[in-house]
Protein backbone atom coordinates (compact mmCIF):
# COMPACT_ATOMS: atom_id res chain seq x y z
CA TRP A 1 -24.69 -2.68 -4.65
CA ASP A 2 -27.68 -0.85 -2.67
CA GLY A 3 -26.21 3.00 -3.21
CA ILE A 4 -24.88 1.65 -7.26
CA VAL A 5 -28.74 1.34 -7.82
CA THR A 6 -30.15 4.68 -6.12
CA GLY A 7 -27.27 6.94 -7.68
CA GLN A 8 -24.91 7.05 -4.71
CA ARG A 9 -21.28 7.88 -5.77
CA LEU A 10 -18.92 4.41 -5.37
CA ARG A 11 -16.20 5.13 -3.60
CA THR A 12 -13.46 2.54 -4.48
CA MET A 13 -9.27 2.86 -3.10
CA SER A 14 -7.12 0.34 -5.44
CA CYS A 15 -4.12 -1.29 -4.08
CA SER A 16 -1.86 0.51 -3.82
CA ASP A 17 -4.13 3.76 -2.72
CA LYS A 18 -4.40 1.03 0.25
CA ILE A 19 -0.48 1.26 0.46
CA ALA A 20 -0.21 4.86 0.41
CA ARG A 21 -2.30 5.15 2.91
CA TRP A 22 -0.82 3.22 5.19
CA ASN A 23 2.26 5.03 4.56
CA VAL A 24 0.93 8.46 6.13
CA LEU A 25 -1.46 6.44 8.65
CA GLY A 26 0.25 3.30 9.91
CA LEU A 27 -0.52 -0.19 9.14
CA GLN A 28 -2.65 -0.24 13.01
CA GLY A 29 -6.28 1.15 12.94
CA SER A 30 -8.77 3.90 14.04
CA LEU A 31 -9.10 2.27 17.58
CA LEU A 32 -5.49 1.26 18.19
CA ALA A 33 -4.41 4.61 17.06
CA HIS A 34 -5.88 6.28 20.11
CA PHE A 35 -3.30 4.08 22.30
CA ILE A 36 -0.33 3.64 20.32
CA ARG A 37 2.51 5.70 18.13
CA PRO A 38 1.80 4.48 14.07
CA VAL A 39 2.73 1.17 12.99
CA TYR A 40 4.82 1.83 9.33
CA MET A 41 5.54 -0.78 7.37
CA SER A 42 9.76 -0.90 6.78
CA SER A 43 9.64 -2.34 3.61
CA LEU A 44 7.47 -4.16 0.37
CA THR A 45 7.87 -6.83 -1.55
CA LEU A 46 6.53 -7.11 -5.46
CA GLY A 47 6.21 -10.24 -6.60
CA SER A 48 6.32 -10.10 -10.20
CA LEU A 49 5.93 -7.05 -12.64
CA TYR A 50 8.36 -5.06 -10.84
CA HIS A 51 8.96 -1.16 -12.05
CA SER A 52 10.79 0.32 -9.16
CA ALA A 53 10.09 3.67 -9.82
CA HIS A 54 6.58 3.01 -10.59
CA LEU A 55 5.92 1.24 -7.35
CA ALA A 56 7.92 4.06 -5.35
CA ARG A 57 5.36 6.71 -6.92
CA ALA A 58 2.44 4.44 -6.14
CA VAL A 59 3.03 3.29 -3.00
CA CYS A 60 4.34 6.60 -0.86
CA CYS A 61 6.08 9.08 -3.07
CA ARG A 62 3.31 10.75 -5.16
CA LEU A 63 2.82 11.51 -0.88
CA ASP A 64 5.88 13.65 -1.27
CA GLY A 65 4.02 17.20 -0.16
CA LEU A 66 2.04 16.13 2.51
CA VAL A 67 2.63 17.61 5.62
CA ALA A 68 1.02 15.51 8.39
CA PRO A 69 0.22 16.68 11.62
CA ALA A 70 1.72 14.49 14.69
CA PRO A 71 2.26 11.80 14.81
CA TYR A 72 1.70 11.08 11.38
CA ARG A 73 4.15 11.37 8.70
CA VAL A 74 4.77 9.99 5.11
CA ASN A 75 6.88 6.32 5.39
CA HIS A 76 8.76 5.50 2.50
CA PRO A 77 9.82 1.75 2.74
CA LEU A 78 12.46 -0.11 1.32
CA LEU A 79 10.69 -2.21 -2.12
CA GLY A 80 12.01 -4.99 -3.37
CA ALA A 81 11.21 -7.57 -5.96
CA VAL A 82 10.62 -11.64 -6.31
CA PRO A 83 12.88 -12.55 -9.71
CA ASP A 84 10.40 -13.91 -11.58
CA ALA A 85 12.24 -17.77 -13.26
CA ASN A 86 9.05 -17.81 -15.85
CA ASN A 87 9.35 -14.63 -16.98
CA ARG A 88 5.79 -14.24 -17.89
CA SER A 89 4.71 -11.16 -20.20
CA ARG A 90 1.43 -9.53 -18.57
CA SER A 91 -1.52 -10.99 -18.54
CA ALA A 92 -5.27 -10.40 -17.27
CA GLN A 93 -5.99 -13.28 -14.65
CA LYS A 94 -6.32 -14.01 -11.37
CA ALA A 95 -4.08 -11.92 -8.61
CA THR A 96 -1.59 -14.72 -6.85
CA ASN A 97 -1.52 -15.23 -3.43
CA ALA A 98 0.25 -13.20 -1.46
CA SER A 99 1.71 -12.40 1.91
CA LEU A 100 2.70 -10.09 3.95
CA HIS A 101 5.61 -10.74 6.62
CA TRP A 102 5.76 -9.03 10.31
CA SER A 103 8.58 -8.73 11.97
CA GLN A 104 10.33 -6.75 15.21
CA HIS A 105 13.40 -4.37 14.98
């Protein structure tokens, strides 16, 4: 807030920007990156308002031309959707709860 009042630029990232960043740098964070190789998500499931091409472009495919230094890479997780039983149209409302599922291969 203080930065906005003094006229500084506000740097924000959308949800898809953050996921796209994770698809290059990994989920492990900067501290663990010194000790382990990048940890990438293997899949991403959207609860509603799913469009495969838009989701792919938003979270990974817009970075296809990027040449990341080793050990990083552009990760392409499997993308899926949960069927929406109500077929609701898009409207402004509070976001629904989200979950992240971790599994070991």
